[in-house]
PDB file of N, CA and C in Angstrom:
ATOM      1  N   UNK A   1       0.859  -1.166   0.000  1.00  0.00           N
ATOM      2  CA  UNK A   1       0.000   0.000   0.000  1.00  0.00           C
ATOM      3  C   UNK A   1       0.904   1.225   0.000  1.00  0.00           C
ATOM      4  N   UNK A   2       0.689   2.122  -0.926  1.00  0.00           N
ATOM      5  CA  UNK A   2       1.450   3.362  -0.934  1.00  0.00           C
ATOM      6  C   UNK A   2       0.509   4.511  -0.647  1.00  0.00           C
ATOM      7  N   UNK A   3       0.923   5.343   0.270  1.00  0.00           N
ATOM      8  CA  UNK A   3       0.106   6.483   0.677  1.00  0.00           C
ATOM      9  C   UNK A   3       1.049   7.576   1.150  1.00  0.00           C
ATOM     10  N   UNK A   4       1.086   8.666   0.423  1.00  0.00           N
ATOM     11  CA  UNK A   4       1.990   9.757   0.757  1.00  0.00           C
ATOM     12  C   UNK A   4       1.620  10.441   2.063  1.00  0.00           C
ATOM     13  N   UNK A   5       0.411  10.222   2.583  1.00  0.00           N
ATOM     14  CA  UNK A   5      -0.004  10.856   3.829  1.00  0.00           C
ATOM     15  C   UNK A   5       0.296   9.987   5.051  1.00  0.00           C
ATOM     16  N   UNK A   6       0.822   8.787   4.844  1.00  0.00           N
ATOM     17  CA  UNK A   6       1.118   7.880   5.947  1.00  0.00           C
ATOM     18  C   UNK A   6       2.233   8.451   6.818  1.00  0.00           C
ATOM     19  N   UNK A   7       2.006   8.463   8.122  1.00  0.00           N
ATOM     20  CA  UNK A   7       3.026   8.889   9.074  1.00  0.00           C
ATOM     21  C   UNK A   7       3.753   7.656   9.581  1.00  0.00           C
ATOM     22  N   UNK A   8       5.031   7.588   9.316  1.00  0.00           N
ATOM     23  CA  UNK A   8       5.813   6.444   9.754  1.00  0.00           C
ATOM     24  C   UNK A   8       5.741   6.306  11.271  1.00  0.00           C
ATOM     25  N   UNK A   9       5.679   5.059  11.735  1.00  0.00           N
ATOM     26  CA  UNK A   9       5.571   4.775  13.161  1.00  0.00           C
ATOM     27  C   UNK A   9       6.772   3.971  13.624  1.00  0.00           C
ATOM     28  N   UNK A  10       7.024   4.014  14.902  1.00  0.00           N
ATOM     29  CA  UNK A  10       8.108   3.225  15.490  1.00  0.00           C
ATOM     30  C   UNK A  10       7.929   1.752  15.130  1.00  0.00           C
ATOM     31  N   UNK A  11       6.713   1.297  15.099  1.00  0.00           N
ATOM     32  CA  UNK A  11       6.443  -0.118  14.804  1.00  0.00           C
ATOM     33  C   UNK A  11       6.926  -0.511  13.415  1.00  0.00           C
ATOM     34  N   UNK A  12       6.963   0.404  12.465  1.00  0.00           N
ATOM     35  CA  UNK A  12       7.421   0.067  11.115  1.00  0.00           C
ATOM     36  C   UNK A  12       8.856  -0.448  11.127  1.00  0.00           C
ATOM     37  N   UNK A  13       9.702   0.192  11.891  1.00  0.00           N
ATOM     38  CA  UNK A  13      11.101  -0.218  11.989  1.00  0.00           C
ATOM     39  C   UNK A  13      11.206  -1.632  12.565  1.00  0.00           C
ATOM     40  N   UNK A  14      10.445  -1.891  13.616  1.00  0.00           N
ATOM     41  CA  UNK A  14      10.448  -3.224  14.239  1.00  0.00           C
ATOM     42  C   UNK A  14       9.832  -4.262  13.299  1.00  0.00           C
ATOM     43  N   UNK A  15       8.744  -3.898  12.623  1.00  0.00           N
ATOM     44  CA  UNK A  15       8.085  -4.841  11.718  1.00  0.00           C
ATOM     45  C   UNK A  15       9.007  -5.252  10.580  1.00  0.00           C
ATOM     46  N   UNK A  16       9.824  -4.348  10.094  1.00  0.00           N
ATOM     47  CA  UNK A  16      10.746  -4.668   9.003  1.00  0.00           C
ATOM     48  C   UNK A  16      11.648  -5.834   9.378  1.00  0.00           C
ATOM     49  N   UNK A  17      12.040  -5.903  10.629  1.00  0.00           N
ATOM     50  CA  UNK A  17      12.882  -7.001  11.111  1.00  0.00           C
ATOM     51  C   UNK A  17      12.055  -8.229  11.461  1.00  0.00           C
ATOM     52  N   UNK A  18      11.019  -8.029  12.248  1.00  0.00           N
ATOM     53  CA  UNK A  18      10.236  -9.153  12.767  1.00  0.00           C
ATOM     54  C   UNK A  18       9.492  -9.927  11.700  1.00  0.00           C
ATOM     55  N   UNK A  19       9.024  -9.258  10.668  1.00  0.00           N
ATOM     56  CA  UNK A  19       8.212  -9.935   9.646  1.00  0.00           C
ATOM     57  C   UNK A  19       9.026 -11.004   8.913  1.00  0.00           C
ATOM     58  N   UNK A  20      10.341 -10.845   8.896  1.00  0.00           N
ATOM     59  CA  UNK A  20      11.212 -11.841   8.266  1.00  0.00           C
ATOM     60  C   UNK A  20      11.534 -13.000   9.210  1.00  0.00           C
ATOM     61  N   UNK A  21      11.352 -12.783  10.507  1.00  0.00           N
ATOM     62  CA  UNK A  21      11.800 -13.759  11.492  1.00  0.00           C
ATOM     63  C   UNK A  21      10.684 -14.562  12.156  1.00  0.00           C
ATOM     64  N   UNK A  22       9.482 -14.012  12.217  1.00  0.00           N
ATOM     65  CA  UNK A  22       8.407 -14.640  12.984  1.00  0.00           C
ATOM     66  C   UNK A  22       7.237 -15.055  12.096  1.00  0.00           C
ATOM     67  N   UNK A  23       6.557 -16.151  12.454  1.00  0.00           N
ATOM     68  CA  UNK A  23       5.401 -16.589  11.672  1.00  0.00           C
ATOM     69  C   UNK A  23       4.147 -15.758  11.938  1.00  0.00           C
ATOM     70  N   UNK A  24       4.096 -15.068  13.081  1.00  0.00           N
ATOM     71  CA  UNK A  24       2.923 -14.250  13.415  1.00  0.00           C
ATOM     72  C   UNK A  24       3.356 -13.081  14.290  1.00  0.00           C
ATOM     73  N   UNK A  25       2.704 -11.958  14.092  1.00  0.00           N
ATOM     74  CA  UNK A  25       2.968 -10.762  14.883  1.00  0.00           C
ATOM     75  C   UNK A  25       1.624 -10.165  15.259  1.00  0.00           C
ATOM     76  N   UNK A  26       1.460  -9.808  16.528  1.00  0.00           N
ATOM     77  CA  UNK A  26       0.222  -9.181  16.965  1.00  0.00           C
ATOM     78  C   UNK A  26       0.511  -7.721  17.304  1.00  0.00           C
ATOM     79  N   UNK A  27      -0.237  -6.817  16.675  1.00  0.00           N
ATOM     80  CA  UNK A  27      -0.125  -5.396  16.992  1.00  0.00           C
ATOM     81  C   UNK A  27      -1.221  -5.052  17.991  1.00  0.00           C
ATOM     82  N   UNK A  28      -0.828  -4.443  19.095  1.00  0.00           N
ATOM     83  CA  UNK A  28      -1.764  -4.114  20.157  1.00  0.00           C
ATOM     84  C   UNK A  28      -1.643  -2.630  20.456  1.00  0.00           C
ATOM     85  N   UNK A  29      -2.776  -1.992  20.695  1.00  0.00           N
ATOM     86  CA  UNK A  29      -2.761  -0.577  21.049  1.00  0.00           C
ATOM     87  C   UNK A  29      -4.173  -0.066  21.156  1.00  0.00           C
ATOM     88  N   UNK A  30      -4.315   1.185  21.598  1.00  0.00           N
ATOM     89  CA  UNK A  30      -5.650   1.748  21.751  1.00  0.00           C
ATOM     90  C   UNK A  30      -6.340   1.958  20.397  1.00  0.00           C
ATOM     91  N   UNK A  31      -7.635   2.012  20.456  1.00  0.00           N
ATOM     92  CA  UNK A  31      -8.448   2.246  19.257  1.00  0.00           C
ATOM     93  C   UNK A  31      -7.994   3.532  18.573  1.00  0.00           C
ATOM     94  N   UNK A  32      -7.843   3.460  17.262  1.00  0.00           N
ATOM     95  CA  UNK A  32      -7.527   4.641  16.481  1.00  0.00           C
ATOM     96  C   UNK A  32      -6.065   5.042  16.456  1.00  0.00           C
ATOM     97  N   UNK A  33      -5.169   4.197  16.955  1.00  0.00           N
ATOM     98  CA  UNK A  33      -3.756   4.588  16.981  1.00  0.00           C
ATOM     99  C   UNK A  33      -3.007   4.214  15.699  1.00  0.00           C
ATOM    100  N   UNK A  34      -3.657   3.480  14.790  1.00  0.00           N
ATOM    101  CA  UNK A  34      -3.027   3.163  13.509  1.00  0.00           C
ATOM    102  C   UNK A  34      -2.566   1.729  13.342  1.00  0.00           C
ATOM    103  N   UNK A  35      -3.061   0.822  14.163  1.00  0.00           N
ATOM    104  CA  UNK A  35      -2.660  -0.585  14.057  1.00  0.00           C
ATOM    105  C   UNK A  35      -2.989  -1.154  12.681  1.00  0.00           C
ATOM    106  N   UNK A  36      -4.221  -0.989  12.253  1.00  0.00           N
ATOM    107  CA  UNK A  36      -4.642  -1.540  10.957  1.00  0.00           C
ATOM    108  C   UNK A  36      -3.928  -0.838   9.813  1.00  0.00           C
ATOM    109  N   UNK A  37      -3.834   0.465   9.865  1.00  0.00           N
ATOM    110  CA  UNK A  37      -3.156   1.222   8.805  1.00  0.00           C
ATOM    111  C   UNK A  37      -1.716   0.768   8.659  1.00  0.00           C
ATOM    112  N   UNK A  38      -1.032   0.594   9.778  1.00  0.00           N
ATOM    113  CA  UNK A  38       0.353   0.136   9.754  1.00  0.00           C
ATOM    114  C   UNK A  38       0.441  -1.284   9.203  1.00  0.00           C
ATOM    115  N   UNK A  39      -0.390  -2.175   9.700  1.00  0.00           N
ATOM    116  CA  UNK A  39      -0.353  -3.572   9.257  1.00  0.00           C
ATOM    117  C   UNK A  39      -0.676  -3.702   7.770  1.00  0.00           C
ATOM    118  N   UNK A  40      -1.583  -2.894   7.254  1.00  0.00           N
ATOM    119  CA  UNK A  40      -1.945  -2.951   5.835  1.00  0.00           C
ATOM    120  C   UNK A  40      -0.747  -2.652   4.943  1.00  0.00           C
ATOM    121  N   UNK A  41       0.157  -1.845   5.395  1.00  0.00           N
ATOM    122  CA  UNK A  41       1.340  -1.492   4.607  1.00  0.00           C
ATOM    123  C   UNK A  41       2.271  -2.697   4.427  1.00  0.00           C
ATOM    124  N   UNK A  42       2.216  -3.640   5.341  1.00  0.00           N
ATOM    125  CA  UNK A  42       3.097  -4.803   5.301  1.00  0.00           C
ATOM    126  C   UNK A  42       2.417  -6.048   4.726  1.00  0.00           C
ATOM    127  N   UNK A  43       1.101  -6.062   4.703  1.00  0.00           N
ATOM    128  CA  UNK A  43       0.352  -7.258   4.294  1.00  0.00           C
ATOM    129  C   UNK A  43       0.224  -7.361   2.780  1.00  0.00           C
ATOM    130  N   UNK A  44       0.264  -8.593   2.290  1.00  0.00           N
ATOM    131  CA  UNK A  44      -0.041  -8.854   0.882  1.00  0.00           C
ATOM    132  C   UNK A  44      -1.493  -9.281   0.720  1.00  0.00           C
ATOM    133  N   UNK A  45      -2.095  -9.778   1.798  1.00  0.00           N
ATOM    134  CA  UNK A  45      -3.511 -10.130   1.773  1.00  0.00           C
ATOM    135  C   UNK A  45      -4.117  -9.785   3.128  1.00  0.00           C
ATOM    136  N   UNK A  46      -5.437  -9.579   3.119  1.00  0.00           N
ATOM    137  CA  UNK A  46      -6.136  -9.138   4.328  1.00  0.00           C
ATOM    138  C   UNK A  46      -7.403  -9.951   4.505  1.00  0.00           C
ATOM    139  N   UNK A  47      -7.611 -10.437   5.728  1.00  0.00           N
ATOM    140  CA  UNK A  47      -8.869 -11.098   6.095  1.00  0.00           C
ATOM    141  C   UNK A  47      -9.527 -10.193   7.118  1.00  0.00           C
ATOM    142  N   UNK A  48     -10.674  -9.641   6.764  1.00  0.00           N
ATOM    143  CA  UNK A  48     -11.375  -8.711   7.652  1.00  0.00           C
ATOM    144  C   UNK A  48     -12.514  -9.435   8.352  1.00  0.00           C
ATOM    145  N   UNK A  49     -12.275  -9.792   9.610  1.00  0.00           N
ATOM    146  CA  UNK A  49     -13.241 -10.592  10.350  1.00  0.00           C
ATOM    147  C   UNK A  49     -14.414  -9.784  10.892  1.00  0.00           C
ATOM    148  N   UNK A  50     -14.431  -8.479  10.651  1.00  0.00           N
ATOM    149  CA  UNK A  50     -15.606  -7.702  11.026  1.00  0.00           C
ATOM    150  C   UNK A  50     -16.693  -7.814   9.957  1.00  0.00           C
ATOM    151  N   UNK A  51     -16.398  -8.506   8.881  1.00  0.00           N
ATOM    152  CA  UNK A  51     -17.396  -8.793   7.839  1.00  0.00           C
ATOM    153  C   UNK A  51     -17.941 -10.193   8.103  1.00  0.00           C
ATOM    154  N   UNK A  52     -19.245 -10.305   8.348  1.00  0.00           N
ATOM    155  CA  UNK A  52     -19.832 -11.599   8.759  1.00  0.00           C
ATOM    156  C   UNK A  52     -19.492 -12.772   7.843  1.00  0.00           C
ATOM    157  N   UNK A  53     -19.496 -12.567   6.531  1.00  0.00           N
ATOM    158  CA  UNK A  53     -19.217 -13.675   5.616  1.00  0.00           C
ATOM    159  C   UNK A  53     -17.765 -14.143   5.734  1.00  0.00           C
ATOM    160  N   UNK A  54     -16.854 -13.217   5.970  1.00  0.00           N
ATOM    161  CA  UNK A  54     -15.439 -13.580   6.146  1.00  0.00           C
ATOM    162  C   UNK A  54     -15.236 -14.286   7.483  1.00  0.00           C
ATOM    163  N   UNK A  55     -15.880 -13.775   8.526  1.00  0.00           N
ATOM    164  CA  UNK A  55     -15.764 -14.385   9.856  1.00  0.00           C
ATOM    165  C   UNK A  55     -16.330 -15.799   9.858  1.00  0.00           C
ATOM    166  N   UNK A  56     -17.438 -15.989   9.179  1.00  0.00           N
ATOM    167  CA  UNK A  56     -18.068 -17.313   9.127  1.00  0.00           C
ATOM    168  C   UNK A  56     -17.171 -18.313   8.400  1.00  0.00           C
ATOM    169  N   UNK A  57     -16.615 -17.903   7.259  1.00  0.00           N
ATOM    170  CA  UNK A  57     -15.726 -18.795   6.503  1.00  0.00           C
ATOM    171  C   UNK A  57     -14.475 -19.118   7.311  1.00  0.00           C
ATOM    172  N   UNK A  58     -13.920 -18.115   7.964  1.00  0.00           N
ATOM    173  CA  UNK A  58     -12.713 -18.314   8.760  1.00  0.00           C
ATOM    174  C   UNK A  58     -12.989 -19.232   9.944  1.00  0.00           C
ATOM    175  N   UNK A  59     -14.124 -19.041  10.579  1.00  0.00           N
ATOM    176  CA  UNK A  59     -14.506 -19.872  11.723  1.00  0.00           C
ATOM    177  C   UNK A  59     -14.691 -21.328  11.311  1.00  0.00           C
ATOM    178  N   UNK A  60     -15.259 -21.544  10.134  1.00  0.00           N
ATOM    179  CA  UNK A  60     -15.530 -22.899   9.662  1.00  0.00           C
ATOM    180  C   UNK A  60     -14.267 -23.640   9.237  1.00  0.00           C
ATOM    181  N   UNK A  61     -13.312 -22.926   8.631  1.00  0.00           N
ATOM    182  CA  UNK A  61     -12.111 -23.596   8.110  1.00  0.00           C
ATOM    183  C   UNK A  61     -10.920 -22.641   8.106  1.00  0.00           C
ATOM    184  N   UNK A  62     -10.407 -22.293   9.287  1.00  0.00           N
ATOM    185  CA  UNK A  62      -9.320 -21.304   9.351  1.00  0.00           C
ATOM    186  C   UNK A  62      -8.064 -21.712   8.573  1.00  0.00           C
ATOM    187  N   UNK A  63      -7.690 -22.982   8.623  1.00  0.00           N
ATOM    188  CA  UNK A  63      -6.495 -23.421   7.907  1.00  0.00           C
ATOM    189  C   UNK A  63      -6.663 -23.255   6.399  1.00  0.00           C
ATOM    190  N   UNK A  64      -7.826 -23.592   5.896  1.00  0.00           N
ATOM    191  CA  UNK A  64      -8.074 -23.471   4.457  1.00  0.00           C
ATOM    192  C   UNK A  64      -8.082 -22.010   4.021  1.00  0.00           C
ATOM    193  N   UNK A  65      -8.691 -21.157   4.817  1.00  0.00           N
ATOM    194  CA  UNK A  65      -8.738 -19.724   4.479  1.00  0.00           C
ATOM    195  C   UNK A  65      -7.320 -19.160   4.470  1.00  0.00           C
ATOM    196  N   UNK A  66      -6.537 -19.471   5.492  1.00  0.00           N
ATOM    197  CA  UNK A  66      -5.167 -18.962   5.557  1.00  0.00           C
ATOM    198  C   UNK A  66      -4.302 -19.506   4.423  1.00  0.00           C
ATOM    199  N   UNK A  67      -4.489 -20.768   4.072  1.00  0.00           N
ATOM    200  CA  UNK A  67      -3.696 -21.372   3.000  1.00  0.00           C
ATOM    201  C   UNK A  67      -3.956 -20.706   1.655  1.00  0.00           C
ATOM    202  N   UNK A  68      -5.131 -20.125   1.490  1.00  0.00           N
ATOM    203  CA  UNK A  68      -5.490 -19.484   0.227  1.00  0.00           C
ATOM    204  C   UNK A  68      -4.979 -18.041   0.127  1.00  0.00           C
ATOM    205  N   UNK A  69      -4.362 -17.544   1.191  1.00  0.00           N
ATOM    206  CA  UNK A  69      -3.902 -16.148   1.218  1.00  0.00           C
ATOM    207  C   UNK A  69      -2.430 -16.043   0.831  1.00  0.00           C
ATOM    208  N   UNK A  70      -2.075 -14.906   0.254  1.00  0.00           N
ATOM    209  CA  UNK A  70      -0.665 -14.615  -0.026  1.00  0.00           C
ATOM    210  C   UNK A  70      -0.046 -14.024   1.235  1.00  0.00           C
ATOM    211  N   UNK A  71       0.984 -14.657   1.766  1.00  0.00           N
ATOM    212  CA  UNK A  71       1.592 -14.121   2.983  1.00  0.00           C
ATOM    213  C   UNK A  71       2.489 -12.912   2.676  1.00  0.00           C
ATOM    214  N   UNK A  72       2.661 -12.056   3.622  1.00  0.00           N
ATOM    215  CA  UNK A  72       2.055 -12.025   4.940  1.00  0.00           C
ATOM    216  C   UNK A  72       0.592 -11.601   4.872  1.00  0.00           C
ATOM    217  N   UNK A  73      -0.197 -12.185   5.756  1.00  0.00           N
ATOM    218  CA  UNK A  73      -1.638 -11.946   5.809  1.00  0.00           C
ATOM    219  C   UNK A  73      -2.014 -11.162   7.064  1.00  0.00           C
ATOM    220  N   UNK A  74      -2.768 -10.120   6.882  1.00  0.00           N
ATOM    221  CA  UNK A  74      -3.319  -9.360   8.003  1.00  0.00           C
ATOM    222  C   UNK A  74      -4.665  -9.965   8.364  1.00  0.00           C
ATOM    223  N   UNK A  75      -4.829 -10.374   9.614  1.00  0.00           N
ATOM    224  CA  UNK A  75      -6.120 -10.810  10.116  1.00  0.00           C
ATOM    225  C   UNK A  75      -6.603  -9.665  11.003  1.00  0.00           C
ATOM    226  N   UNK A  76      -7.590  -8.934  10.522  1.00  0.00           N
ATOM    227  CA  UNK A  76      -8.041  -7.716  11.200  1.00  0.00           C
ATOM    228  C   UNK A  76      -9.348  -7.966  11.937  1.00  0.00           C
ATOM    229  N   UNK A  77      -9.473  -7.336  13.104  1.00  0.00           N
ATOM    230  CA  UNK A  77     -10.665  -7.448  13.963  1.00  0.00           C
ATOM    231  C   UNK A  77     -10.894  -8.881  14.409  1.00  0.00           C
ATOM    232  N   UNK A  78      -9.835  -9.553  14.836  1.00  0.00           N
ATOM    233  CA  UNK A  78      -9.907 -10.968  15.190  1.00  0.00           C
ATOM    234  C   UNK A  78     -10.632 -11.233  16.503  1.00  0.00           C
ATOM    235  N   UNK A  79     -10.708 -10.252  17.390  1.00  0.00           N
ATOM    236  CA  UNK A  79     -11.312 -10.506  18.704  1.00  0.00           C
ATOM    237  C   UNK A  79     -12.765 -10.888  18.523  1.00  0.00           C
TER     238      UNK A  79
END
């Protein structure tokens, strides 16, 4: 994702290293701090679980849904 208005975050520097080393990374922070915006910049595919049809498919067969995605995959609104 390219966006000239994006404000670089401290997490970007860490993500550049961690994304090569770890199979999963969880971004945690208060609502509206830019977790999703930051993660979208690094993801090649996105699963948005706040959409009922996506959540239902993921719930029924998470391994199959993940296998069909291009990594790295952002799983958003997972709670």
